[in-house]
Amino acid sequence: MGSFVAFASYLGMLTWPMIAAGWMLTLVQRASASMDRINGLLQTREEEGAAFRTPDSPLRGSLEARGLTFSYPGQAVPALRDVSFEVAAGGSLGVVGEVGSGKSTVAQLLSRLYDPPPDALFVDGRDALELPLDYLRRGMAYVPQEAFLFSDTIAENLKVAKPDGTAEEMRKACRLAALDEEIESFPNGYETLLGERGITLSGGQKQRLCLARALLKPSPVLILDDTLSAVDADAERRILAGLKQVTGLRTLVVISHRVSAVRDLDGIMCLQRGAVIQSGTHLELSHRPGFYRDMVELQEETEGESGRGGEGAKETKDGNED
């Protein structure tokens, strides 16, 4: 009996150290993977050489892809296959398609979050790979799908795009993003402190604040990656009306699942499994059998049913729609 009690006691004493050892091994593996990613960033060499000299003139904003084919690192299946398009400086392009069709990949390559293949993507007539990253990204304002905000005031989040931005400039950007009235209704207005990643705002408010930040940045290229997905129909109409005010002044690339967001743009490109299946204006594509016309009819039918139901879409806390 004494031996059994001693064994049980020692076994109980070993339980926590064994659990802790397993937990520590898990932490070591996670830390090792994180350190590899950090080292990959820290060891990235700065661009050098004559090919990366900053152009004398500022970025104008013309964009062109010629047979662009791209695969993510470690993936054999291309995310984009033989994609070609051209947007003049001050022009606009809409990109639509199903989930996973390669829409966001286009935005990431334009801003060089991933490097495109040589002689496939051109900015102002020059290979994007030959332009210095700081020069290229100063000339672009990119709003990704997931809105990111800092745990700071609304004003400080806006000033990330333009540190010397005035109060009037911030109000104008928020007005174009259909957010100024809501900010003014907050007790502290533009000095309202946001929670971590903007958790105190609804999904639609976060997206509109990120859009306002991009509009505040004095860049000739504006890329919106499904920026209006969590915005209700009324706010979307006001935002699209606001974007018309920058039409012609900025090159606009709008990636969206909604026809309403791209119908007034100069051109529309439909992607499917990484390839362009249709391209043209809204009027041309809506009268041509295919993916775009089917999408138009489906969304019109859905909006009609919502109208008959007497309830519109409302912004939600997590960024989805009711």
C-alpha atoms as a PDB file:
ATOM      1  CA  MET A   1       0.000   0.000   0.000  1.00  0.00           C
ATOM      2  CA  GLY A   2       2.827   2.380   0.862  1.00  0.00           C
ATOM      3  CA  SER A   3       4.492   1.782  -2.510  1.00  0.00           C
ATOM      4  CA  PHE A   4       1.222   2.427  -4.326  1.00  0.00           C
ATOM      5  CA  VAL A   5       0.639   5.712  -2.448  1.00  0.00           C
ATOM      6  CA  ALA A   6       4.201   6.813  -3.222  1.00  0.00           C
ATOM      7  CA  PHE A   7       3.734   5.940  -6.916  1.00  0.00           C
ATOM      8  CA  ALA A   8       0.454   7.856  -7.136  1.00  0.00           C
ATOM      9  CA  SER A   9       2.006  10.851  -5.398  1.00  0.00           C
ATOM     10  CA  TYR A  10       5.019  10.938  -7.701  1.00  0.00           C
ATOM     11  CA  LEU A  11       2.726  10.525 -10.719  1.00  0.00           C
ATOM     12  CA  GLY A  12       0.701  13.537  -9.588  1.00  0.00           C
ATOM     13  CA  MET A  13       3.885  15.553  -9.169  1.00  0.00           C
ATOM     14  CA  LEU A  14       4.930  14.689 -12.736  1.00  0.00           C
ATOM     15  CA  THR A  15       1.616  15.663 -14.359  1.00  0.00           C
ATOM     16  CA  TRP A  16       2.112  19.444 -14.441  1.00  0.00           C
ATOM     17  CA  PRO A  17       5.790  19.348 -15.568  1.00  0.00           C
ATOM     18  CA  MET A  18       4.813  17.080 -18.480  1.00  0.00           C
ATOM     19  CA  ILE A  19       1.955  19.401 -19.483  1.00  0.00           C
ATOM     20  CA  ALA A  20       4.291  22.389 -19.214  1.00  0.00           C
ATOM     21  CA  ALA A  21       6.929  20.647 -21.334  1.00  0.00           C
ATOM     22  CA  GLY A  22       4.385  19.996 -24.092  1.00  0.00           C
ATOM     23  CA  TRP A  23       3.179  23.608 -23.905  1.00  0.00           C
ATOM     24  CA  MET A  24       6.737  24.921 -24.111  1.00  0.00           C
ATOM     25  CA  LEU A  25       7.473  22.775 -27.171  1.00  0.00           C
ATOM     26  CA  THR A  26       4.414  24.255 -28.866  1.00  0.00           C
ATOM     27  CA  LEU A  27       5.597  27.784 -28.039  1.00  0.00           C
ATOM     28  CA  VAL A  28       9.083  27.017 -29.377  1.00  0.00           C
ATOM     29  CA  GLN A  29       7.635  25.781 -32.690  1.00  0.00           C
ATOM     30  CA  ARG A  30       5.412  28.846 -33.045  1.00  0.00           C
ATOM     31  CA  ALA A  31       8.278  31.181 -32.125  1.00  0.00           C
ATOM     32  CA  SER A  32      10.573  29.468 -34.624  1.00  0.00           C
ATOM     33  CA  ALA A  33       8.052  29.889 -37.449  1.00  0.00           C
ATOM     34  CA  SER A  34       7.478  33.536 -36.499  1.00  0.00           C
ATOM     35  CA  MET A  35      11.223  34.196 -36.311  1.00  0.00           C
ATOM     36  CA  ASP A  36      11.697  32.798 -39.815  1.00  0.00           C
ATOM     37  CA  ARG A  37       9.134  35.283 -41.143  1.00  0.00           C
ATOM     38  CA  ILE A  38      10.678  38.187 -39.211  1.00  0.00           C
ATOM     39  CA  ASN A  39      14.172  37.300 -40.448  1.00  0.00           C
ATOM     40  CA  GLY A  40      12.857  37.103 -44.005  1.00  0.00           C
ATOM     41  CA  LEU A  41      11.660  40.700 -43.665  1.00  0.00           C
ATOM     42  CA  LEU A  42      14.758  42.007 -41.850  1.00  0.00           C
ATOM     43  CA  GLN A  43      17.136  40.368 -44.338  1.00  0.00           C
ATOM     44  CA  THR A  44      15.385  41.785 -47.404  1.00  0.00           C
ATOM     45  CA  ARG A  45      17.964  43.747 -49.348  1.00  0.00           C
ATOM     46  CA  GLU A  46      17.291  47.335 -50.303  1.00  0.00           C
ATOM     47  CA  GLU A  47      16.859  47.873 -54.028  1.00  0.00           C
ATOM     48  CA  GLU A  48      20.029  49.130 -55.626  1.00  0.00           C
ATOM     49  CA  GLY A  49      21.381  49.959 -59.058  1.00  0.00           C
ATOM     50  CA  ALA A  50      20.613  52.232 -61.956  1.00  0.00           C
ATOM     51  CA  ALA A  51      17.405  50.375 -62.771  1.00  0.00           C
ATOM     52  CA  PHE A  52      15.912  51.611 -59.500  1.00  0.00           C
ATOM     53  CA  ARG A  53      16.670  55.296 -59.793  1.00  0.00           C
ATOM     54  CA  THR A  54      13.686  57.408 -58.842  1.00  0.00           C
ATOM     55  CA  PRO A  55      12.106  58.965 -61.959  1.00  0.00           C
ATOM     56  CA  ASP A  56      12.363  62.742 -62.235  1.00  0.00           C
ATOM     57  CA  SER A  57       8.622  63.206 -62.791  1.00  0.00           C
ATOM     58  CA  PRO A  58       5.940  62.182 -60.277  1.00  0.00           C
ATOM     59  CA  LEU A  59       3.820  59.104 -60.881  1.00  0.00           C
ATOM     60  CA  ARG A  60       1.059  59.817 -63.424  1.00  0.00           C
ATOM     61  CA  GLY A  61      -0.917  56.626 -62.810  1.00  0.00           C
ATOM     62  CA  SER A  62      -1.262  54.753 -66.115  1.00  0.00           C
ATOM     63  CA  LEU A  63      -1.450  50.969 -65.539  1.00  0.00           C
ATOM     64  CA  GLU A  64      -1.014  48.106 -67.991  1.00  0.00           C
ATOM     65  CA  ALA A  65      -0.740  44.308 -67.820  1.00  0.00           C
ATOM     66  CA  ARG A  66       0.539  42.280 -70.755  1.00  0.00           C
ATOM     67  CA  GLY A  67      -0.074  38.546 -70.569  1.00  0.00           C
ATOM     68  CA  LEU A  68       0.331  38.592 -66.781  1.00  0.00           C
ATOM     69  CA  THR A  69       0.692  35.092 -65.344  1.00  0.00           C
ATOM     70  CA  PHE A  70       1.469  34.736 -61.645  1.00  0.00           C
ATOM     71  CA  SER A  71       1.698  31.924 -59.092  1.00  0.00           C
ATOM     72  CA  TYR A  72       2.054  32.403 -55.344  1.00  0.00           C
ATOM     73  CA  PRO A  73       5.269  30.983 -53.826  1.00  0.00           C
ATOM     74  CA  GLY A  74       4.952  27.241 -53.281  1.00  0.00           C
ATOM     75  CA  GLN A  75       1.817  26.904 -55.414  1.00  0.00           C
ATOM     76  CA  ALA A  76       1.856  25.170 -58.776  1.00  0.00           C
ATOM     77  CA  VAL A  77      -1.525  26.427 -60.007  1.00  0.00           C
ATOM     78  CA  PRO A  78      -1.311  30.032 -61.295  1.00  0.00           C
ATOM     79  CA  ALA A  79      -3.501  32.586 -59.511  1.00  0.00           C
ATOM     80  CA  LEU A  80      -3.578  34.648 -62.726  1.00  0.00           C
ATOM     81  CA  ARG A  81      -3.268  33.346 -66.287  1.00  0.00           C
ATOM     82  CA  ASP A  82      -2.510  35.552 -69.295  1.00  0.00           C
ATOM     83  CA  VAL A  83      -4.280  38.635 -67.888  1.00  0.00           C
ATOM     84  CA  SER A  84      -4.086  41.807 -69.964  1.00  0.00           C
ATOM     85  CA  PHE A  85      -5.638  45.224 -69.349  1.00  0.00           C
ATOM     86  CA  GLU A  86      -4.816  48.905 -69.768  1.00  0.00           C
ATOM     87  CA  VAL A  87      -5.930  51.920 -67.743  1.00  0.00           C
ATOM     88  CA  ALA A  88      -4.943  55.412 -68.798  1.00  0.00           C
ATOM     89  CA  ALA A  89      -3.863  57.947 -66.186  1.00  0.00           C
ATOM     90  CA  GLY A  90      -7.043  59.255 -64.574  1.00  0.00           C
ATOM     91  CA  GLY A  91      -9.076  56.359 -65.959  1.00  0.00           C
ATOM     92  CA  SER A  92     -10.933  53.656 -64.075  1.00  0.00           C
ATOM     93  CA  LEU A  93     -11.199  49.863 -64.140  1.00  0.00           C
ATOM     94  CA  GLY A  94     -13.578  47.516 -62.362  1.00  0.00           C
ATOM     95  CA  VAL A  95     -12.573  43.942 -61.569  1.00  0.00           C
ATOM     96  CA  VAL A  96     -15.308  41.413 -60.791  1.00  0.00           C
ATOM     97  CA  GLY A  97     -15.432  37.648 -60.431  1.00  0.00           C
ATOM     98  CA  GLU A  98     -16.186  34.764 -58.149  1.00  0.00           C
ATOM     99  CA  VAL A  99     -14.378  34.135 -54.872  1.00  0.00           C
ATOM    100  CA  GLY A 100     -10.857  32.886 -55.611  1.00  0.00           C
ATOM    101  CA  SER A 101     -10.851  34.149 -59.199  1.00  0.00           C
ATOM    102  CA  GLY A 102      -7.712  36.253 -58.657  1.00  0.00           C
ATOM    103  CA  LYS A 103      -9.218  39.720 -58.075  1.00  0.00           C
ATOM    104  CA  SER A 104      -7.202  40.517 -54.945  1.00  0.00           C
ATOM    105  CA  THR A 105      -4.066  39.154 -56.600  1.00  0.00           C
ATOM    106  CA  VAL A 106      -4.327  41.933 -59.185  1.00  0.00           C
ATOM    107  CA  ALA A 107      -4.379  44.555 -56.404  1.00  0.00           C
ATOM    108  CA  GLN A 108      -1.450  42.967 -54.575  1.00  0.00           C
ATOM    109  CA  LEU A 109       0.655  42.870 -57.730  1.00  0.00           C
ATOM    110  CA  LEU A 110      -0.152  46.478 -58.639  1.00  0.00           C
ATOM    111  CA  SER A 111       1.081  47.641 -55.234  1.00  0.00           C
ATOM    112  CA  ARG A 112       3.926  45.094 -55.353  1.00  0.00           C
ATOM    113  CA  LEU A 113       3.022  43.282 -52.173  1.00  0.00           C
ATOM    114  CA  TYR A 114       4.108  40.438 -54.426  1.00  0.00           C
ATOM    115  CA  ASP A 115       6.508  40.999 -57.300  1.00  0.00           C
ATOM    116  CA  PRO A 116       5.014  40.339 -60.744  1.00  0.00           C
ATOM    117  CA  PRO A 117       7.017  38.537 -63.446  1.00  0.00           C
ATOM    118  CA  PRO A 118       9.321  40.749 -65.541  1.00  0.00           C
ATOM    119  CA  ASP A 119       7.784  42.577 -68.516  1.00  0.00           C
ATOM    120  CA  ALA A 120       4.231  41.761 -67.426  1.00  0.00           C
ATOM    121  CA  LEU A 121       3.040  44.751 -65.371  1.00  0.00           C
ATOM    122  CA  PHE A 122       3.755  48.343 -66.323  1.00  0.00           C
ATOM    123  CA  VAL A 123       3.227  51.649 -64.496  1.00  0.00           C
ATOM    124  CA  ASP A 124       3.580  54.823 -66.550  1.00  0.00           C
ATOM    125  CA  GLY A 125       4.959  52.680 -69.365  1.00  0.00           C
ATOM    126  CA  ARG A 126       7.806  51.271 -67.248  1.00  0.00           C
ATOM    127  CA  ASP A 127       8.149  47.761 -65.881  1.00  0.00           C
ATOM    128  CA  ALA A 128       6.853  47.881 -62.297  1.00  0.00           C
ATOM    129  CA  LEU A 129       9.946  45.944 -61.186  1.00  0.00           C
ATOM    130  CA  GLU A 130      12.164  48.818 -62.354  1.00  0.00           C
ATOM    131  CA  LEU A 131      10.428  51.392 -60.155  1.00  0.00           C
ATOM    132  CA  PRO A 132      11.667  51.934 -56.569  1.00  0.00           C
ATOM    133  CA  LEU A 133       9.177  50.597 -54.054  1.00  0.00           C
ATOM    134  CA  ASP A 134       8.990  53.845 -52.099  1.00  0.00           C
ATOM    135  CA  TYR A 135       8.311  55.810 -55.291  1.00  0.00           C
ATOM    136  CA  LEU A 136       5.662  53.321 -56.459  1.00  0.00           C
ATOM    137  CA  ARG A 137       3.842  53.080 -53.135  1.00  0.00           C
ATOM    138  CA  ARG A 138       3.901  56.832 -52.497  1.00  0.00           C
ATOM    139  CA  GLY A 139       1.889  57.115 -55.682  1.00  0.00           C
ATOM    140  CA  MET A 140      -0.676  54.493 -54.682  1.00  0.00           C
ATOM    141  CA  ALA A 141      -3.388  54.335 -52.042  1.00  0.00           C
ATOM    142  CA  TYR A 142      -4.494  50.742 -51.450  1.00  0.00           C
ATOM    143  CA  VAL A 143      -7.488  49.731 -49.324  1.00  0.00           C
ATOM    144  CA  PRO A 144      -7.401  45.936 -48.727  1.00  0.00           C
ATOM    145  CA  GLN A 145     -10.363  43.691 -47.947  1.00  0.00           C
ATOM    146  CA  GLU A 146      -9.640  43.580 -44.226  1.00  0.00           C
ATOM    147  CA  ALA A 147      -9.811  47.055 -42.752  1.00  0.00           C
ATOM    148  CA  PHE A 148      -6.921  47.759 -40.346  1.00  0.00           C
ATOM    149  CA  LEU A 149      -7.034  50.576 -37.833  1.00  0.00           C
ATOM    150  CA  PHE A 150      -4.673  51.493 -35.002  1.00  0.00           C
ATOM    151  CA  SER A 151      -5.687  51.812 -31.367  1.00  0.00           C
ATOM    152  CA  ASP A 152      -5.584  55.602 -31.516  1.00  0.00           C
ATOM    153  CA  THR A 153      -7.898  58.495 -32.316  1.00  0.00           C
ATOM    154  CA  ILE A 154      -9.786  58.769 -35.602  1.00  0.00           C
ATOM    155  CA  ALA A 155      -7.686  61.820 -36.535  1.00  0.00           C
ATOM    156  CA  GLU A 156      -4.399  59.986 -35.942  1.00  0.00           C
ATOM    157  CA  ASN A 157      -5.600  57.023 -38.012  1.00  0.00           C
ATOM    158  CA  LEU A 158      -6.348  59.410 -40.862  1.00  0.00           C
ATOM    159  CA  LYS A 159      -2.985  61.154 -40.540  1.00  0.00           C
ATOM    160  CA  VAL A 160      -1.199  57.894 -41.299  1.00  0.00           C
ATOM    161  CA  ALA A 161      -1.915  58.718 -44.949  1.00  0.00           C
ATOM    162  CA  LYS A 162      -0.987  62.394 -44.671  1.00  0.00           C
ATOM    163  CA  PRO A 163       0.783  63.440 -41.457  1.00  0.00           C
ATOM    164  CA  ASP A 164       0.368  67.148 -42.219  1.00  0.00           C
ATOM    165  CA  GLY A 165      -3.290  66.814 -43.201  1.00  0.00           C
ATOM    166  CA  THR A 166      -5.515  69.639 -41.957  1.00  0.00           C
ATOM    167  CA  ALA A 167      -8.819  69.220 -40.155  1.00  0.00           C
ATOM    168  CA  GLU A 168     -10.687  70.436 -43.252  1.00  0.00           C
ATOM    169  CA  GLU A 169      -8.893  67.919 -45.479  1.00  0.00           C
ATOM    170  CA  MET A 170      -9.814  65.101 -43.085  1.00  0.00           C
ATOM    171  CA  ARG A 171     -13.434  66.221 -43.005  1.00  0.00           C
ATOM    172  CA  LYS A 172     -13.544  66.355 -46.799  1.00  0.00           C
ATOM    173  CA  ALA A 173     -12.119  62.825 -47.106  1.00  0.00           C
ATOM    174  CA  CYS A 174     -14.638  61.518 -44.579  1.00  0.00           C
ATOM    175  CA  ARG A 175     -17.415  63.349 -46.409  1.00  0.00           C
ATOM    176  CA  LEU A 176     -16.481  61.560 -49.633  1.00  0.00           C
ATOM    177  CA  ALA A 177     -16.516  58.274 -47.690  1.00  0.00           C
ATOM    178  CA  ALA A 178     -19.990  59.064 -46.245  1.00  0.00           C
ATOM    179  CA  LEU A 179     -18.630  59.023 -42.693  1.00  0.00           C
ATOM    180  CA  ASP A 180     -18.353  62.665 -41.623  1.00  0.00           C
ATOM    181  CA  GLU A 181     -21.838  62.934 -40.082  1.00  0.00           C
ATOM    182  CA  GLU A 182     -21.319  59.822 -37.973  1.00  0.00           C
ATOM    183  CA  ILE A 183     -17.940  61.017 -36.719  1.00  0.00           C
ATOM    184  CA  GLU A 184     -19.396  64.411 -35.818  1.00  0.00           C
ATOM    185  CA  SER A 185     -22.104  62.624 -33.809  1.00  0.00           C
ATOM    186  CA  PHE A 186     -19.480  61.005 -31.559  1.00  0.00           C
ATOM    187  CA  PRO A 187     -18.931  62.882 -28.239  1.00  0.00           C
ATOM    188  CA  ASN A 188     -15.263  63.547 -29.055  1.00  0.00           C
ATOM    189  CA  GLY A 189     -15.629  63.773 -32.827  1.00  0.00           C
ATOM    190  CA  TYR A 190     -12.324  63.196 -34.630  1.00  0.00           C
ATOM    191  CA  GLU A 191     -10.568  62.792 -31.283  1.00  0.00           C
ATOM    192  CA  THR A 192     -12.611  59.659 -30.495  1.00  0.00           C
ATOM    193  CA  LEU A 193     -10.270  56.917 -29.334  1.00  0.00           C
ATOM    194  CA  LEU A 194     -10.706  53.637 -31.199  1.00  0.00           C
ATOM    195  CA  GLY A 195     -10.253  50.227 -29.641  1.00  0.00           C
ATOM    196  CA  GLU A 196      -7.765  47.620 -30.828  1.00  0.00           C
ATOM    197  CA  ARG A 197      -8.057  47.300 -34.638  1.00  0.00           C
ATOM    198  CA  GLY A 198     -11.004  49.710 -34.506  1.00  0.00           C
ATOM    199  CA  ILE A 199     -13.222  47.288 -32.610  1.00  0.00           C
ATOM    200  CA  THR A 200     -15.432  50.123 -31.313  1.00  0.00           C
ATOM    201  CA  LEU A 201     -16.662  50.786 -34.873  1.00  0.00           C
ATOM    202  CA  SER A 202     -19.021  48.692 -36.974  1.00  0.00           C
ATOM    203  CA  GLY A 203     -17.672  46.786 -39.964  1.00  0.00           C
ATOM    204  CA  GLY A 204     -19.020  49.374 -42.391  1.00  0.00           C
ATOM    205  CA  GLN A 205     -17.593  52.277 -40.375  1.00  0.00           C
ATOM    206  CA  LYS A 206     -14.158  50.659 -40.322  1.00  0.00           C
ATOM    207  CA  GLN A 207     -14.213  50.172 -44.081  1.00  0.00           C
ATOM    208  CA  ARG A 208     -15.314  53.759 -44.670  1.00  0.00           C
ATOM    209  CA  LEU A 209     -12.633  55.127 -42.344  1.00  0.00           C
ATOM    210  CA  CYS A 210      -9.974  53.176 -44.253  1.00  0.00           C
ATOM    211  CA  LEU A 211     -11.439  54.527 -47.493  1.00  0.00           C
ATOM    212  CA  ALA A 212     -11.300  58.079 -46.123  1.00  0.00           C
ATOM    213  CA  ARG A 213      -7.662  57.524 -45.165  1.00  0.00           C
ATOM    214  CA  ALA A 214      -6.878  56.440 -48.729  1.00  0.00           C
ATOM    215  CA  LEU A 215      -8.759  59.423 -50.170  1.00  0.00           C
ATOM    216  CA  LEU A 216      -6.757  61.749 -47.908  1.00  0.00           C
ATOM    217  CA  LYS A 217      -3.478  60.443 -49.319  1.00  0.00           C
ATOM    218  CA  PRO A 218      -2.369  62.622 -52.262  1.00  0.00           C
ATOM    219  CA  SER A 219      -1.700  59.723 -54.625  1.00  0.00           C
ATOM    220  CA  PRO A 220      -2.589  59.455 -58.333  1.00  0.00           C
ATOM    221  CA  VAL A 221      -3.657  55.776 -58.052  1.00  0.00           C
ATOM    222  CA  LEU A 222      -6.457  54.523 -55.809  1.00  0.00           C
ATOM    223  CA  ILE A 223      -7.016  50.750 -55.463  1.00  0.00           C
ATOM    224  CA  LEU A 224     -10.133  49.551 -53.624  1.00  0.00           C
ATOM    225  CA  ASP A 225     -10.275  45.822 -52.901  1.00  0.00           C
ATOM    226  CA  ASP A 226     -13.918  45.019 -52.061  1.00  0.00           C
ATOM    227  CA  THR A 227     -13.977  48.087 -49.832  1.00  0.00           C
ATOM    228  CA  LEU A 228     -17.768  48.419 -49.761  1.00  0.00           C
ATOM    229  CA  SER A 229     -18.643  44.842 -48.805  1.00  0.00           C
ATOM    230  CA  ALA A 230     -19.864  45.785 -45.299  1.00  0.00           C
ATOM    231  CA  VAL A 231     -21.522  49.066 -46.262  1.00  0.00           C
ATOM    232  CA  ASP A 232     -25.306  49.429 -46.476  1.00  0.00           C
ATOM    233  CA  ALA A 233     -27.002  50.420 -49.742  1.00  0.00           C
ATOM    234  CA  ASP A 234     -27.589  54.068 -48.793  1.00  0.00           C
ATOM    235  CA  ALA A 235     -23.976  54.641 -47.710  1.00  0.00           C
ATOM    236  CA  GLU A 236     -22.755  52.878 -50.849  1.00  0.00           C
ATOM    237  CA  ARG A 237     -24.712  55.294 -53.058  1.00  0.00           C
ATOM    238  CA  ARG A 238     -23.205  58.285 -51.246  1.00  0.00           C
ATOM    239  CA  ILE A 239     -19.691  56.826 -51.464  1.00  0.00           C
ATOM    240  CA  LEU A 240     -20.004  56.122 -55.188  1.00  0.00           C
ATOM    241  CA  ALA A 241     -21.230  59.682 -55.682  1.00  0.00           C
ATOM    242  CA  GLY A 242     -18.173  60.894 -53.742  1.00  0.00           C
ATOM    243  CA  LEU A 243     -15.808  58.762 -55.836  1.00  0.00           C
ATOM    244  CA  LYS A 244     -17.159  60.432 -58.978  1.00  0.00           C
ATOM    245  CA  GLN A 245     -15.570  63.643 -57.686  1.00  0.00           C
ATOM    246  CA  VAL A 246     -12.096  62.090 -57.981  1.00  0.00           C
ATOM    247  CA  THR A 247     -12.808  60.499 -61.365  1.00  0.00           C
ATOM    248  CA  GLY A 248     -10.348  61.859 -63.881  1.00  0.00           C
ATOM    249  CA  LEU A 249      -8.067  63.124 -61.128  1.00  0.00           C
ATOM    250  CA  ARG A 250      -6.948  59.664 -60.008  1.00  0.00           C
ATOM    251  CA  THR A 251      -6.553  56.302 -61.663  1.00  0.00           C
ATOM    252  CA  LEU A 252      -9.195  54.158 -59.992  1.00  0.00           C
ATOM    253  CA  VAL A 253      -9.162  50.350 -59.714  1.00  0.00           C
ATOM    254  CA  VAL A 254     -12.260  48.962 -57.993  1.00  0.00           C
ATOM    255  CA  ILE A 255     -12.502  45.274 -57.070  1.00  0.00           C
ATOM    256  CA  SER A 256     -16.000  44.290 -56.036  1.00  0.00           C
ATOM    257  CA  HIS A 257     -18.719  41.650 -55.960  1.00  0.00           C
ATOM    258  CA  ARG A 258     -21.366  44.325 -56.565  1.00  0.00           C
ATOM    259  CA  VAL A 259     -22.363  45.575 -60.000  1.00  0.00           C
ATOM    260  CA  SER A 260     -23.330  48.943 -58.515  1.00  0.00           C
ATOM    261  CA  ALA A 261     -19.710  49.603 -57.523  1.00  0.00           C
ATOM    262  CA  VAL A 262     -18.281  49.175 -61.051  1.00  0.00           C
ATOM    263  CA  ARG A 263     -21.100  50.074 -63.462  1.00  0.00           C
ATOM    264  CA  ASP A 264     -19.976  53.697 -63.970  1.00  0.00           C
ATOM    265  CA  LEU A 265     -16.291  52.930 -64.525  1.00  0.00           C
ATOM    266  CA  ASP A 266     -14.515  53.256 -67.874  1.00  0.00           C
ATOM    267  CA  GLY A 267     -14.039  49.511 -68.213  1.00  0.00           C
ATOM    268  CA  ILE A 268     -14.837  46.249 -66.436  1.00  0.00           C
ATOM    269  CA  MET A 269     -12.802  43.032 -66.387  1.00  0.00           C
ATOM    270  CA  CYS A 270     -14.388  39.713 -65.383  1.00  0.00           C
ATOM    271  CA  LEU A 271     -12.095  37.050 -63.944  1.00  0.00           C
ATOM    272  CA  GLN A 272     -12.722  33.338 -63.586  1.00  0.00           C
ATOM    273  CA  ARG A 273     -10.079  30.951 -62.247  1.00  0.00           C
ATOM    274  CA  GLY A 274      -7.417  33.562 -62.847  1.00  0.00           C
ATOM    275  CA  ALA A 275      -8.275  34.254 -66.490  1.00  0.00           C
ATOM    276  CA  VAL A 276     -10.155  37.123 -68.151  1.00  0.00           C
ATOM    277  CA  ILE A 277     -13.419  35.782 -69.543  1.00  0.00           C
ATOM    278  CA  GLN A 278     -15.081  39.114 -70.413  1.00  0.00           C
ATOM    279  CA  SER A 279     -14.125  42.770 -70.663  1.00  0.00           C
ATOM    280  CA  GLY A 280     -15.867  45.957 -71.738  1.00  0.00           C
ATOM    281  CA  THR A 281     -18.127  48.678 -70.370  1.00  0.00           C
ATOM    282  CA  HIS A 282     -21.175  48.022 -68.198  1.00  0.00           C
ATOM    283  CA  LEU A 283     -23.519  48.710 -71.122  1.00  0.00           C
ATOM    284  CA  GLU A 284     -21.639  46.348 -73.432  1.00  0.00           C
ATOM    285  CA  LEU A 285     -21.350  43.505 -70.943  1.00  0.00           C
ATOM    286  CA  SER A 286     -24.920  43.768 -69.635  1.00  0.00           C
ATOM    287  CA  HIS A 287     -26.211  43.151 -73.186  1.00  0.00           C
ATOM    288  CA  ARG A 288     -23.792  40.324 -73.888  1.00  0.00           C
ATOM    289  CA  PRO A 289     -24.618  36.778 -72.695  1.00  0.00           C
ATOM    290  CA  GLY A 290     -22.157  35.573 -70.096  1.00  0.00           C
ATOM    291  CA  PHE A 291     -20.929  35.904 -66.545  1.00  0.00           C
ATOM    292  CA  TYR A 292     -21.457  39.656 -66.143  1.00  0.00           C
ATOM    293  CA  ARG A 293     -25.035  39.731 -67.414  1.00  0.00           C
ATOM    294  CA  ASP A 294     -25.900  36.778 -65.170  1.00  0.00           C
ATOM    295  CA  MET A 295     -24.436  38.670 -62.213  1.00  0.00           C
ATOM    296  CA  VAL A 296     -26.437  41.803 -63.103  1.00  0.00           C
ATOM    297  CA  GLU A 297     -29.704  39.866 -63.344  1.00  0.00           C
ATOM    298  CA  LEU A 298     -29.070  37.971 -60.110  1.00  0.00           C
ATOM    299  CA  GLN A 299     -28.273  41.122 -58.118  1.00  0.00           C
ATOM    300  CA  GLU A 300     -31.227  43.018 -59.560  1.00  0.00           C
ATOM    301  CA  GLU A 301     -33.519  40.143 -58.590  1.00  0.00           C
ATOM    302  CA  THR A 302     -32.039  40.030 -55.074  1.00  0.00           C
ATOM    303  CA  GLU A 303     -32.415  43.787 -54.608  1.00  0.00           C
ATOM    304  CA  GLY A 304     -36.012  43.599 -55.800  1.00  0.00           C
ATOM    305  CA  GLU A 305     -36.821  40.918 -53.246  1.00  0.00           C
ATOM    306  CA  SER A 306     -35.147  42.974 -50.496  1.00  0.00           C
ATOM    307  CA  GLY A 307     -37.218  46.000 -51.476  1.00  0.00           C
ATOM    308  CA  ARG A 308     -40.455  44.025 -51.388  1.00  0.00           C
ATOM    309  CA  GLY A 309     -39.501  42.719 -47.976  1.00  0.00           C
ATOM    310  CA  GLY A 310     -39.298  46.316 -46.733  1.00  0.00           C
ATOM    311  CA  GLU A 311     -35.895  45.893 -45.124  1.00  0.00           C
ATOM    312  CA  GLY A 312     -32.578  47.069 -46.471  1.00  0.00           C
ATOM    313  CA  ALA A 313     -29.123  45.888 -45.628  1.00  0.00           C
ATOM    314  CA  LYS A 314     -27.727  47.216 -42.373  1.00  0.00           C
ATOM    315  CA  GLU A 315     -24.156  47.471 -41.206  1.00  0.00           C
ATOM    316  CA  THR A 316     -23.207  44.979 -38.559  1.00  0.00           C
ATOM    317  CA  LYS A 317     -20.539  44.882 -35.918  1.00  0.00           C
ATOM    318  CA  ASP A 318     -18.484  42.160 -37.601  1.00  0.00           C
ATOM    319  CA  GLY A 319     -18.600  43.674 -41.060  1.00  0.00           C
ATOM    320  CA  ASN A 320     -21.275  41.459 -42.645  1.00  0.00           C
ATOM    321  CA  GLU A 321     -24.719  42.404 -43.861  1.00  0.00           C
ATOM    322  CA  ASP A 322     -28.146  41.414 -42.550  1.00  0.00           C
END
